[in-house]
Amino acid sequence: MPEEPIHEKEQPEEETQEEEEIIEEVIEEEADPEEDDLDYEEEWIGEEDWGEEEDQDVLVEEEVPIFVDNGDGTVSDTKNGLMWAKADSYGEFGYGINWYEALDYCDSLNEKKFAGYDDWRLASNDDAKTLFSFTKSNYDKDGAELHIDPVFQEGGGHNTWTYEEKPDYSQYAMKFSYVTGNEVWEHKDNEYSHVRAVRDLVKDEWEPEWREETRKFKR
């Protein structure tokens, strides 16, 4: 006898319809925009609190100025621990001075205890550089722009002698320009220069015996 063909068992229509409904529900859940919005909102929990923070006043710490006018003819450098005479030698003499006269100028400030101090000196090159900044503007005796803080007196010289002497060439000393920000070795006899006197704002209380014995002016 010939074999009868095998036929797959047909599923009842009710079961097939139920499966289709389940599949449709799953697809709708995955594509439900309401649930997407819900997830988005959950990610931004606390958004209202942020808005309240923005409305609160922000306390800004006041910036302390680097250069402070002491009201006694001096200016304190709070960053580098230096005190400067507010005016330079040109402000007192009205003309340029050589390096030796610059030394005498500092001695004269010490002799009369300018602003109550007797330790005024020529600046080092590093000291002189601390005054220079391209963001600052002042003016010299000729109206040329100087790049130093406007807290200093206007109408002074455009440079300053320093105490640094050229090695092996003692007739030269370093001079710093407040127009260009450059230093140059200048002959000590040059009379077209000026000086800005400076002193250390913070000094060690202890001094060696030889310094005490050789101090010209007692406090």
N, C-alpha and C. Protein backbone atom coordinates (compact mmCIF):
# COMPACT_ATOMS: atom_id res chain seq x y z
N MET A 1 0.85 -1.20 0.00
CA MET A 1 0.00 0.00 0.00
C MET A 1 0.88 1.24 0.00
N PRO A 2 0.49 2.19 -0.76
CA PRO A 2 1.27 3.47 -0.77
C PRO A 2 1.12 4.22 0.54
N GLU A 3 2.25 4.87 0.98
CA GLU A 3 2.22 5.62 2.25
C GLU A 3 1.46 6.91 2.08
N GLU A 4 0.70 7.23 3.12
CA GLU A 4 -0.05 8.48 3.11
C GLU A 4 0.88 9.65 3.43
N PRO A 5 0.70 10.77 2.73
CA PRO A 5 1.56 11.94 3.03
C PRO A 5 1.32 12.49 4.42
N ILE A 6 2.43 12.93 5.06
CA ILE A 6 2.33 13.45 6.44
C ILE A 6 2.00 14.93 6.37
N HIS A 7 0.98 15.32 7.05
CA HIS A 7 0.56 16.72 7.08
C HIS A 7 0.79 17.28 8.46
N GLU A 8 1.32 18.56 8.48
CA GLU A 8 1.52 19.21 9.79
C GLU A 8 0.17 19.49 10.41
N LYS A 9 0.21 19.37 11.73
CA LYS A 9 -1.01 19.60 12.47
C LYS A 9 -1.30 21.09 12.53
N GLU A 10 -2.44 21.44 12.05
CA GLU A 10 -2.80 22.84 12.05
C GLU A 10 -3.17 23.29 13.44
N GLN A 11 -2.65 24.54 13.80
CA GLN A 11 -2.97 25.09 15.11
C GLN A 11 -4.36 25.68 15.08
N PRO A 12 -5.00 25.63 16.16
CA PRO A 12 -6.34 26.24 16.21
C PRO A 12 -6.24 27.73 15.96
N GLU A 13 -7.30 28.29 15.36
CA GLU A 13 -7.31 29.72 15.04
C GLU A 13 -7.24 30.56 16.30
N GLU A 14 -7.79 30.11 17.40
CA GLU A 14 -7.78 30.91 18.63
C GLU A 14 -6.36 31.10 19.13
N GLU A 15 -5.55 30.01 19.11
CA GLU A 15 -4.17 30.13 19.60
C GLU A 15 -3.37 31.07 18.70
N THR A 16 -3.58 30.98 17.42
CA THR A 16 -2.84 31.85 16.48
C THR A 16 -3.19 33.30 16.73
N GLN A 17 -4.44 33.60 16.95
CA GLN A 17 -4.87 34.97 17.18
C GLN A 17 -4.28 35.51 18.47
N GLU A 18 -4.22 34.68 19.53
CA GLU A 18 -3.65 35.10 20.80
C GLU A 18 -2.17 35.44 20.64
N GLU A 19 -1.45 34.62 19.88
CA GLU A 19 -0.02 34.89 19.67
C GLU A 19 0.19 36.21 18.95
N GLU A 20 -0.63 36.48 17.95
CA GLU A 20 -0.51 37.73 17.20
C GLU A 20 -0.76 38.93 18.11
N GLU A 21 -1.77 38.81 18.99
CA GLU A 21 -2.08 39.91 19.91
C GLU A 21 -0.91 40.16 20.85
N ILE A 22 -0.29 39.08 21.34
CA ILE A 22 0.85 39.23 22.26
C ILE A 22 2.00 39.94 21.56
N ILE A 23 2.27 39.54 20.31
CA ILE A 23 3.36 40.16 19.54
C ILE A 23 3.10 41.64 19.34
N GLU A 24 1.84 41.99 19.03
CA GLU A 24 1.49 43.39 18.82
C GLU A 24 1.68 44.21 20.10
N GLU A 25 1.33 43.62 21.26
CA GLU A 25 1.50 44.33 22.54
C GLU A 25 2.97 44.59 22.82
N VAL A 26 3.81 43.59 22.54
CA VAL A 26 5.25 43.76 22.77
C VAL A 26 5.80 44.87 21.91
N ILE A 27 5.39 44.93 20.65
CA ILE A 27 5.87 45.96 19.72
C ILE A 27 5.42 47.33 20.20
N GLU A 28 4.17 47.44 20.67
CA GLU A 28 3.66 48.73 21.14
C GLU A 28 4.40 49.19 22.39
N GLU A 29 4.72 48.25 23.29
CA GLU A 29 5.46 48.62 24.51
C GLU A 29 6.84 49.15 24.18
N GLU A 30 7.50 48.50 23.21
CA GLU A 30 8.85 48.94 22.84
C GLU A 30 8.82 50.32 22.20
N ALA A 31 7.77 50.63 21.46
CA ALA A 31 7.71 51.89 20.74
C ALA A 31 6.85 52.93 21.44
N ASP A 32 6.48 52.69 22.71
CA ASP A 32 5.61 53.60 23.44
C ASP A 32 6.35 54.90 23.75
N PRO A 33 5.99 56.04 23.16
CA PRO A 33 6.69 57.29 23.39
C PRO A 33 6.53 57.80 24.81
N GLU A 34 5.42 57.41 25.47
CA GLU A 34 5.23 57.87 26.84
C GLU A 34 6.31 57.31 27.76
N GLU A 35 6.68 56.06 27.55
CA GLU A 35 7.72 55.47 28.39
C GLU A 35 9.07 56.08 28.09
N ASP A 36 9.33 56.44 26.82
CA ASP A 36 10.58 57.11 26.48
C ASP A 36 10.69 58.43 27.20
N ASP A 37 9.57 59.17 27.21
CA ASP A 37 9.57 60.45 27.92
C ASP A 37 9.80 60.24 29.40
N LEU A 38 9.24 59.16 29.94
CA LEU A 38 9.41 58.87 31.37
C LEU A 38 10.87 58.63 31.69
N ASP A 39 11.54 57.82 30.83
CA ASP A 39 12.96 57.55 31.06
C ASP A 39 13.76 58.85 31.00
N TYR A 40 13.43 59.73 30.06
CA TYR A 40 14.15 60.99 29.89
C TYR A 40 14.00 61.85 31.14
N GLU A 41 12.75 61.88 31.65
CA GLU A 41 12.52 62.68 32.84
C GLU A 41 13.28 62.13 34.04
N GLU A 42 13.37 60.83 34.14
CA GLU A 42 14.07 60.23 35.27
C GLU A 42 15.56 60.57 35.25
N GLU A 43 16.13 60.71 34.05
CA GLU A 43 17.54 61.04 33.95
C GLU A 43 17.84 62.44 34.44
N TRP A 44 16.84 63.35 34.46
CA TRP A 44 17.04 64.75 34.83
C TRP A 44 16.40 65.08 36.17
N ILE A 45 16.34 64.09 37.05
CA ILE A 45 15.78 64.33 38.37
C ILE A 45 16.62 65.40 39.08
N GLY A 46 15.97 66.36 39.71
CA GLY A 46 16.68 67.43 40.40
C GLY A 46 16.83 68.68 39.58
N GLU A 47 16.23 68.72 38.39
CA GLU A 47 16.36 69.88 37.51
C GLU A 47 15.80 71.13 38.17
N GLU A 48 14.73 70.97 38.94
CA GLU A 48 14.14 72.12 39.63
C GLU A 48 15.11 72.69 40.65
N ASP A 49 15.84 71.81 41.33
CA ASP A 49 16.82 72.27 42.32
C ASP A 49 17.91 73.09 41.65
N TRP A 50 18.31 72.68 40.45
CA TRP A 50 19.37 73.43 39.75
C TRP A 50 18.90 74.85 39.47
N GLY A 51 17.65 74.99 39.06
CA GLY A 51 17.13 76.32 38.78
C GLY A 51 17.16 77.21 40.00
N GLU A 52 16.89 76.64 41.19
CA GLU A 52 16.94 77.41 42.42
C GLU A 52 18.36 77.87 42.72
N GLU A 53 19.34 77.00 42.42
CA GLU A 53 20.74 77.37 42.67
C GLU A 53 21.15 78.56 41.82
N GLU A 54 20.69 78.57 40.55
CA GLU A 54 21.08 79.65 39.65
C GLU A 54 20.54 80.99 40.13
N ASP A 55 19.39 80.95 40.84
CA ASP A 55 18.79 82.18 41.31
C ASP A 55 19.50 82.73 42.54
N GLN A 56 20.27 81.89 43.24
CA GLN A 56 20.95 82.33 44.44
C GLN A 56 22.11 83.25 44.08
N ASP A 57 22.39 84.21 44.96
CA ASP A 57 23.50 85.13 44.75
C ASP A 57 24.82 84.39 44.88
N VAL A 58 25.73 84.63 43.93
CA VAL A 58 27.04 84.00 43.95
C VAL A 58 28.02 84.94 44.63
N LEU A 59 28.69 84.45 45.67
CA LEU A 59 29.65 85.26 46.40
C LEU A 59 30.99 85.21 45.68
N VAL A 60 31.47 86.36 45.23
CA VAL A 60 32.74 86.46 44.52
C VAL A 60 33.78 87.04 45.47
N GLU A 61 34.87 86.31 45.65
CA GLU A 61 35.93 86.78 46.54
C GLU A 61 36.63 87.98 45.91
N GLU A 62 36.77 89.03 46.69
CA GLU A 62 37.39 90.25 46.18
C GLU A 62 38.88 90.03 45.94
N GLU A 63 39.35 90.44 44.77
CA GLU A 63 40.74 90.25 44.41
C GLU A 63 41.62 91.28 45.12
N VAL A 64 42.66 90.79 45.75
CA VAL A 64 43.58 91.68 46.46
C VAL A 64 44.55 92.27 45.45
N PRO A 65 44.67 93.61 45.37
CA PRO A 65 45.60 94.20 44.40
C PRO A 65 47.04 93.88 44.75
N ILE A 66 47.87 93.77 43.72
CA ILE A 66 49.29 93.48 43.94
C ILE A 66 49.99 94.70 44.51
N PHE A 67 49.71 95.88 43.94
CA PHE A 67 50.35 97.11 44.37
C PHE A 67 49.37 97.95 45.18
N VAL A 68 49.81 98.32 46.40
CA VAL A 68 48.96 99.06 47.32
C VAL A 68 49.64 100.37 47.69
N ASP A 69 48.91 101.47 47.48
CA ASP A 69 49.41 102.79 47.85
C ASP A 69 49.29 102.94 49.37
N ASN A 70 50.41 103.12 50.04
CA ASN A 70 50.41 103.20 51.50
C ASN A 70 50.08 104.60 52.02
N GLY A 71 49.98 105.56 51.12
CA GLY A 71 49.62 106.91 51.52
C GLY A 71 50.74 107.70 52.15
N ASP A 72 51.96 107.19 52.10
CA ASP A 72 53.11 107.89 52.69
C ASP A 72 54.25 108.05 51.69
N GLY A 73 53.89 108.00 50.40
CA GLY A 73 54.92 108.11 49.37
C GLY A 73 55.53 106.79 49.00
N THR A 74 54.96 105.70 49.48
CA THR A 74 55.47 104.37 49.15
C THR A 74 54.35 103.50 48.60
N VAL A 75 54.75 102.45 47.88
CA VAL A 75 53.82 101.47 47.32
C VAL A 75 54.31 100.08 47.69
N SER A 76 53.43 99.28 48.27
CA SER A 76 53.80 97.91 48.66
C SER A 76 53.42 96.92 47.58
N ASP A 77 54.33 96.01 47.30
CA ASP A 77 54.10 94.90 46.38
C ASP A 77 53.74 93.69 47.23
N THR A 78 52.45 93.38 47.32
CA THR A 78 51.98 92.31 48.20
C THR A 78 52.34 90.92 47.70
N LYS A 79 52.71 90.82 46.42
CA LYS A 79 53.04 89.51 45.84
C LYS A 79 54.51 89.15 46.04
N ASN A 80 55.39 90.14 45.87
CA ASN A 80 56.83 89.86 45.91
C ASN A 80 57.52 90.34 47.18
N GLY A 81 56.76 90.90 48.13
CA GLY A 81 57.34 91.30 49.40
C GLY A 81 58.30 92.47 49.28
N LEU A 82 57.95 93.45 48.44
CA LEU A 82 58.81 94.62 48.25
C LEU A 82 58.02 95.90 48.52
N MET A 83 58.75 96.95 48.90
CA MET A 83 58.16 98.27 49.03
C MET A 83 58.95 99.23 48.15
N TRP A 84 58.24 100.00 47.33
CA TRP A 84 58.86 100.93 46.39
C TRP A 84 58.54 102.37 46.77
N ALA A 85 59.45 103.27 46.45
CA ALA A 85 59.12 104.69 46.53
C ALA A 85 58.13 104.97 45.41
N LYS A 86 57.08 105.70 45.71
CA LYS A 86 56.03 105.95 44.71
C LYS A 86 56.56 106.76 43.53
N ALA A 87 57.47 107.69 43.80
CA ALA A 87 58.09 108.50 42.74
C ALA A 87 59.54 108.06 42.58
N ASP A 88 60.08 108.25 41.38
CA ASP A 88 61.48 107.89 41.15
C ASP A 88 62.37 109.12 41.32
N SER A 89 63.64 108.97 41.01
CA SER A 89 64.61 110.06 41.21
C SER A 89 64.28 111.28 40.35
N TYR A 90 63.71 111.08 39.16
CA TYR A 90 63.36 112.22 38.31
C TYR A 90 62.28 113.07 38.97
N GLY A 91 61.39 112.42 39.70
CA GLY A 91 60.35 113.16 40.40
C GLY A 91 60.90 114.11 41.44
N GLU A 92 62.09 113.81 41.95
CA GLU A 92 62.71 114.68 42.96
C GLU A 92 63.68 115.68 42.34
N PHE A 93 64.48 115.22 41.38
CA PHE A 93 65.52 116.09 40.82
C PHE A 93 65.09 116.82 39.54
N GLY A 94 64.28 116.16 38.73
CA GLY A 94 63.88 116.77 37.47
C GLY A 94 64.91 116.58 36.37
N TYR A 95 65.86 115.69 36.57
CA TYR A 95 66.86 115.38 35.55
C TYR A 95 67.41 113.98 35.78
N GLY A 96 68.16 113.47 34.80
CA GLY A 96 68.72 112.13 34.90
C GLY A 96 69.95 112.09 35.80
N ILE A 97 70.29 110.91 36.27
CA ILE A 97 71.45 110.74 37.14
C ILE A 97 72.23 109.50 36.72
N ASN A 98 73.53 109.49 37.04
CA ASN A 98 74.35 108.32 36.73
C ASN A 98 74.24 107.31 37.86
N TRP A 99 74.96 106.20 37.70
CA TRP A 99 74.84 105.10 38.66
C TRP A 99 75.33 105.49 40.05
N TYR A 100 76.39 106.23 40.13
CA TYR A 100 76.94 106.65 41.42
C TYR A 100 75.98 107.60 42.13
N GLU A 101 75.36 108.47 41.37
CA GLU A 101 74.36 109.37 41.95
C GLU A 101 73.12 108.61 42.40
N ALA A 102 72.83 107.50 41.72
CA ALA A 102 71.70 106.67 42.14
C ALA A 102 71.97 106.06 43.51
N LEU A 103 73.22 105.64 43.73
CA LEU A 103 73.58 105.12 45.05
C LEU A 103 73.44 106.21 46.12
N ASP A 104 73.90 107.41 45.78
CA ASP A 104 73.80 108.53 46.72
C ASP A 104 72.33 108.87 47.01
N TYR A 105 71.50 108.73 46.00
CA TYR A 105 70.08 109.02 46.18
C TYR A 105 69.47 108.07 47.22
N CYS A 106 69.79 106.79 47.13
CA CYS A 106 69.28 105.82 48.10
C CYS A 106 69.83 106.12 49.50
N ASP A 107 71.10 106.52 49.57
CA ASP A 107 71.68 106.88 50.87
C ASP A 107 70.96 108.07 51.48
N SER A 108 70.58 109.03 50.63
CA SER A 108 69.88 110.21 51.14
C SER A 108 68.50 109.84 51.70
N LEU A 109 67.83 108.87 51.06
CA LEU A 109 66.54 108.40 51.57
C LEU A 109 66.72 107.74 52.93
N ASN A 110 67.80 106.99 53.08
CA ASN A 110 68.06 106.31 54.34
C ASN A 110 68.44 107.31 55.43
N GLU A 111 69.20 108.33 55.05
CA GLU A 111 69.65 109.32 56.03
C GLU A 111 68.46 110.08 56.64
N LYS A 112 67.49 110.39 55.82
CA LYS A 112 66.31 111.10 56.34
C LYS A 112 65.17 110.16 56.74
N LYS A 113 65.45 108.84 56.68
CA LYS A 113 64.47 107.82 57.04
C LYS A 113 63.15 108.05 56.30
N PHE A 114 63.26 108.03 55.00
CA PHE A 114 62.08 108.24 54.17
C PHE A 114 61.00 107.22 54.50
N ALA A 115 59.79 107.71 54.80
CA ALA A 115 58.63 106.88 55.18
C ALA A 115 58.91 106.05 56.42
N GLY A 116 59.96 106.42 57.18
CA GLY A 116 60.26 105.72 58.43
C GLY A 116 61.24 104.57 58.28
N TYR A 117 61.90 104.43 57.14
CA TYR A 117 62.81 103.30 56.90
C TYR A 117 64.19 103.80 56.49
N ASP A 118 65.20 103.01 56.83
CA ASP A 118 66.58 103.38 56.48
C ASP A 118 67.30 102.26 55.74
N ASP A 119 66.53 101.46 55.01
CA ASP A 119 67.14 100.35 54.26
C ASP A 119 66.75 100.41 52.78
N TRP A 120 66.60 101.60 52.23
CA TRP A 120 66.32 101.77 50.81
C TRP A 120 67.57 101.43 50.00
N ARG A 121 67.38 100.88 48.82
CA ARG A 121 68.51 100.41 48.01
C ARG A 121 68.16 100.45 46.55
N LEU A 122 69.18 100.20 45.71
CA LEU A 122 68.92 99.97 44.29
C LEU A 122 68.27 98.61 44.12
N ALA A 123 67.45 98.48 43.10
CA ALA A 123 66.79 97.20 42.84
C ALA A 123 67.75 96.25 42.13
N SER A 124 67.49 94.96 42.29
CA SER A 124 68.15 93.98 41.43
C SER A 124 67.39 93.96 40.10
N ASN A 125 67.93 93.28 39.12
CA ASN A 125 67.22 93.19 37.85
C ASN A 125 65.89 92.46 38.02
N ASP A 126 65.89 91.42 38.85
CA ASP A 126 64.66 90.68 39.11
C ASP A 126 63.63 91.56 39.82
N ASP A 127 64.10 92.38 40.77
CA ASP A 127 63.19 93.31 41.44
C ASP A 127 62.55 94.26 40.43
N ALA A 128 63.39 94.82 39.56
CA ALA A 128 62.90 95.79 38.57
C ALA A 128 61.86 95.17 37.65
N LYS A 129 62.04 93.90 37.31
CA LYS A 129 61.10 93.22 36.40
C LYS A 129 59.72 93.07 37.02
N THR A 130 59.64 93.00 38.34
CA THR A 130 58.34 92.78 38.99
C THR A 130 57.38 93.94 38.77
N LEU A 131 57.89 95.12 38.43
CA LEU A 131 57.02 96.27 38.17
C LEU A 131 56.47 96.27 36.75
N PHE A 132 57.13 95.56 35.86
CA PHE A 132 56.78 95.64 34.43
C PHE A 132 55.63 94.70 34.08
N SER A 133 54.66 95.25 33.34
CA SER A 133 53.55 94.43 32.82
C SER A 133 52.94 95.14 31.62
N PHE A 134 52.82 94.41 30.49
CA PHE A 134 52.23 95.01 29.29
C PHE A 134 50.75 95.35 29.48
N THR A 135 50.13 94.78 30.51
CA THR A 135 48.71 95.07 30.77
C THR A 135 48.54 96.34 31.59
N LYS A 136 49.62 96.93 32.08
CA LYS A 136 49.56 98.15 32.88
C LYS A 136 50.03 99.34 32.06
N SER A 137 49.52 100.51 32.42
CA SER A 137 49.87 101.70 31.65
C SER A 137 50.08 102.89 32.58
N ASN A 138 51.21 103.58 32.38
CA ASN A 138 51.56 104.79 33.10
C ASN A 138 52.29 105.68 32.08
N TYR A 139 52.73 106.86 32.48
CA TYR A 139 53.37 107.76 31.52
C TYR A 139 54.59 108.45 32.13
N ASP A 140 55.64 108.58 31.32
CA ASP A 140 56.86 109.19 31.82
C ASP A 140 56.83 110.70 31.61
N LYS A 141 57.94 111.35 31.89
CA LYS A 141 58.07 112.80 31.82
C LYS A 141 57.81 113.36 30.42
N ASP A 142 58.00 112.56 29.40
CA ASP A 142 57.80 113.00 28.01
C ASP A 142 56.45 112.56 27.46
N GLY A 143 55.64 111.93 28.28
CA GLY A 143 54.34 111.45 27.82
C GLY A 143 54.37 110.09 27.16
N ALA A 144 55.53 109.44 27.16
CA ALA A 144 55.63 108.10 26.59
C ALA A 144 55.01 107.08 27.55
N GLU A 145 54.45 106.03 26.99
CA GLU A 145 53.79 105.03 27.81
C GLU A 145 54.80 104.14 28.53
N LEU A 146 54.60 103.99 29.83
CA LEU A 146 55.37 103.05 30.64
C LEU A 146 54.46 101.91 31.03
N HIS A 147 55.02 100.72 31.11
CA HIS A 147 54.22 99.56 31.47
C HIS A 147 54.43 99.21 32.94
N ILE A 148 53.98 100.14 33.79
CA ILE A 148 53.98 99.91 35.24
C ILE A 148 52.60 100.32 35.77
N ASP A 149 52.30 99.88 36.96
CA ASP A 149 50.98 100.13 37.53
C ASP A 149 50.72 101.63 37.68
N PRO A 150 49.50 102.08 37.37
CA PRO A 150 49.18 103.51 37.49
C PRO A 150 49.18 104.03 38.92
N VAL A 151 49.33 103.14 39.90
CA VAL A 151 49.41 103.59 41.29
C VAL A 151 50.68 104.40 41.52
N PHE A 152 51.72 104.20 40.67
CA PHE A 152 52.96 104.96 40.80
C PHE A 152 52.78 106.35 40.20
N GLN A 153 53.54 107.28 40.72
CA GLN A 153 53.42 108.67 40.27
C GLN A 153 53.82 108.82 38.82
N GLU A 154 53.00 109.54 38.07
CA GLU A 154 53.29 109.78 36.66
C GLU A 154 54.39 110.84 36.51
N GLY A 155 54.97 110.90 35.31
CA GLY A 155 55.94 111.94 35.00
C GLY A 155 57.36 111.62 35.42
N GLY A 156 57.65 110.35 35.67
CA GLY A 156 59.00 109.96 36.08
C GLY A 156 59.86 109.55 34.90
N GLY A 157 60.98 108.93 35.20
CA GLY A 157 61.86 108.43 34.15
C GLY A 157 61.34 107.13 33.58
N HIS A 158 61.93 106.73 32.44
CA HIS A 158 61.43 105.53 31.76
C HIS A 158 62.27 104.30 32.07
N ASN A 159 63.25 104.42 32.96
CA ASN A 159 64.09 103.27 33.29
C ASN A 159 64.56 103.36 34.74
N THR A 160 65.30 102.38 35.19
CA THR A 160 65.88 102.41 36.52
C THR A 160 67.22 101.70 36.53
N TRP A 161 68.16 102.29 37.27
CA TRP A 161 69.43 101.59 37.52
C TRP A 161 69.17 100.41 38.44
N THR A 162 70.00 99.38 38.33
CA THR A 162 70.01 98.28 39.29
C THR A 162 71.39 98.22 39.93
N TYR A 163 71.52 97.43 40.97
CA TYR A 163 72.83 97.33 41.63
C TYR A 163 73.75 96.31 40.96
N GLU A 164 73.26 95.63 39.92
CA GLU A 164 74.04 94.57 39.29
C GLU A 164 75.11 95.15 38.35
N GLU A 165 76.35 94.77 38.61
CA GLU A 165 77.49 95.25 37.82
C GLU A 165 77.95 94.16 36.86
N LYS A 166 78.44 94.57 35.72
CA LYS A 166 78.83 93.61 34.69
C LYS A 166 80.13 92.91 35.10
N PRO A 167 80.15 91.59 35.09
CA PRO A 167 81.37 90.85 35.45
C PRO A 167 82.54 91.21 34.52
N ASP A 168 83.68 91.47 35.13
CA ASP A 168 84.92 91.81 34.40
C ASP A 168 84.88 93.18 33.74
N TYR A 169 83.75 93.87 33.85
CA TYR A 169 83.65 95.22 33.29
C TYR A 169 82.91 96.09 34.32
N SER A 170 83.60 96.43 35.38
CA SER A 170 82.98 97.11 36.52
C SER A 170 82.47 98.51 36.19
N GLN A 171 82.83 99.04 35.03
CA GLN A 171 82.36 100.38 34.66
C GLN A 171 80.93 100.35 34.10
N TYR A 172 80.36 99.12 34.00
CA TYR A 172 78.99 98.98 33.49
C TYR A 172 78.06 98.41 34.58
N ALA A 173 76.84 98.91 34.56
CA ALA A 173 75.81 98.38 35.47
C ALA A 173 74.55 98.14 34.65
N MET A 174 73.70 97.28 35.17
CA MET A 174 72.48 96.94 34.43
C MET A 174 71.39 97.98 34.66
N LYS A 175 70.68 98.29 33.59
CA LYS A 175 69.56 99.23 33.63
C LYS A 175 68.35 98.54 33.00
N PHE A 176 67.18 98.79 33.59
CA PHE A 176 65.96 98.13 33.10
C PHE A 176 65.01 99.18 32.54
N SER A 177 64.42 98.89 31.36
CA SER A 177 63.51 99.83 30.70
C SER A 177 62.06 99.46 30.96
N TYR A 178 61.26 100.44 31.37
CA TYR A 178 59.83 100.22 31.59
C TYR A 178 59.00 100.55 30.35
N VAL A 179 59.68 100.85 29.26
CA VAL A 179 59.01 101.03 27.97
C VAL A 179 59.01 99.70 27.21
N THR A 180 60.16 99.05 27.15
CA THR A 180 60.31 97.82 26.36
C THR A 180 60.31 96.55 27.21
N GLY A 181 60.65 96.68 28.51
CA GLY A 181 60.77 95.49 29.35
C GLY A 181 62.10 94.78 29.19
N ASN A 182 63.07 95.46 28.62
CA ASN A 182 64.39 94.88 28.40
C ASN A 182 65.42 95.47 29.35
N GLU A 183 66.47 94.70 29.61
CA GLU A 183 67.59 95.20 30.40
C GLU A 183 68.79 95.42 29.48
N VAL A 184 69.66 96.32 29.90
CA VAL A 184 70.83 96.64 29.08
C VAL A 184 71.97 97.02 30.01
N TRP A 185 73.20 96.66 29.60
CA TRP A 185 74.39 97.09 30.34
C TRP A 185 74.70 98.52 29.92
N GLU A 186 74.70 99.42 30.89
CA GLU A 186 74.91 100.84 30.63
C GLU A 186 76.15 101.31 31.37
N HIS A 187 76.90 102.21 30.75
CA HIS A 187 78.07 102.77 31.42
C HIS A 187 77.60 103.54 32.66
N LYS A 188 78.30 103.35 33.75
CA LYS A 188 77.87 103.96 35.01
C LYS A 188 77.85 105.49 34.97
N ASP A 189 78.57 106.09 34.05
CA ASP A 189 78.61 107.55 33.96
C ASP A 189 77.45 108.12 33.14
N ASN A 190 76.63 107.25 32.58
CA ASN A 190 75.50 107.72 31.78
C ASN A 190 74.53 108.54 32.65
N GLU A 191 74.27 109.77 32.24
CA GLU A 191 73.46 110.68 33.04
C GLU A 191 72.01 110.80 32.55
N TYR A 192 71.62 109.92 31.66
CA TYR A 192 70.25 109.95 31.14
C TYR A 192 69.44 108.78 31.70
N SER A 193 69.75 108.43 32.91
CA SER A 193 69.08 107.30 33.56
C SER A 193 68.46 107.77 34.88
N HIS A 194 67.72 106.86 35.50
CA HIS A 194 66.98 107.22 36.71
C HIS A 194 67.03 106.03 37.68
N VAL A 195 66.38 106.20 38.82
CA VAL A 195 66.36 105.08 39.77
C VAL A 195 65.04 105.06 40.52
N ARG A 196 64.55 103.86 40.72
CA ARG A 196 63.39 103.63 41.58
C ARG A 196 63.88 102.89 42.82
N ALA A 197 63.82 103.57 43.95
CA ALA A 197 64.32 102.99 45.20
C ALA A 197 63.37 101.93 45.71
N VAL A 198 63.93 100.89 46.33
CA VAL A 198 63.13 99.78 46.82
C VAL A 198 63.71 99.28 48.14
N ARG A 199 62.90 98.60 48.88
CA ARG A 199 63.35 97.94 50.11
C ARG A 199 62.55 96.64 50.26
N ASP A 200 63.09 95.75 51.08
CA ASP A 200 62.40 94.49 51.34
C ASP A 200 61.28 94.73 52.34
N LEU A 201 60.08 94.29 51.98
CA LEU A 201 58.92 94.50 52.84
C LEU A 201 58.97 93.63 54.08
N VAL A 202 59.49 92.43 53.94
CA VAL A 202 59.60 91.50 55.06
C VAL A 202 61.06 91.18 55.27
N LYS A 203 61.55 91.45 56.46
CA LYS A 203 62.96 91.20 56.77
C LYS A 203 63.07 90.23 57.93
N ASP A 204 64.14 89.44 57.94
CA ASP A 204 64.40 88.56 59.07
C ASP A 204 64.79 89.40 60.28
N GLU A 205 64.25 89.04 61.45
CA GLU A 205 64.58 89.79 62.65
C GLU A 205 66.04 89.58 63.05
N TRP A 206 66.55 88.38 62.80
CA TRP A 206 67.93 88.08 63.20
C TRP A 206 68.90 88.65 62.17
N GLU A 207 70.00 89.22 62.67
CA GLU A 207 71.06 89.73 61.81
C GLU A 207 72.40 89.32 62.39
N PRO A 208 73.38 89.02 61.56
CA PRO A 208 74.70 88.69 62.08
C PRO A 208 75.32 89.91 62.78
N GLU A 209 76.26 89.65 63.67
CA GLU A 209 76.87 90.74 64.45
C GLU A 209 77.53 91.77 63.56
N TRP A 210 78.18 91.33 62.48
CA TRP A 210 78.88 92.28 61.62
C TRP A 210 77.91 93.25 60.96
N ARG A 211 76.64 92.77 60.69
CA ARG A 211 75.66 93.66 60.06
C ARG A 211 75.20 94.72 61.06
N GLU A 212 75.04 94.32 62.30
CA GLU A 212 74.62 95.26 63.33
C GLU A 212 75.69 96.32 63.57
N GLU A 213 76.96 95.87 63.55
CA GLU A 213 78.06 96.79 63.82
C GLU A 213 78.27 97.77 62.67
N THR A 214 77.98 97.34 61.45
CA THR A 214 78.26 98.19 60.29
C THR A 214 77.03 98.98 59.83
N ARG A 215 75.88 98.78 60.51
CA ARG A 215 74.70 99.53 60.11
C ARG A 215 74.94 101.02 60.33
N LYS A 216 74.77 101.78 59.31
CA LYS A 216 75.04 103.21 59.39
C LYS A 216 73.99 103.96 60.18
N PHE A 217 72.73 103.55 60.01
CA PHE A 217 71.66 104.24 60.69
C PHE A 217 70.90 103.24 61.56
N LYS A 218 70.81 103.52 62.83
CA LYS A 218 70.09 102.66 63.76
C LYS A 218 68.60 102.92 63.66
N ARG A 219 67.82 101.87 63.95
CA ARG A 219 66.37 102.05 63.96
C ARG A 219 65.93 102.72 65.26
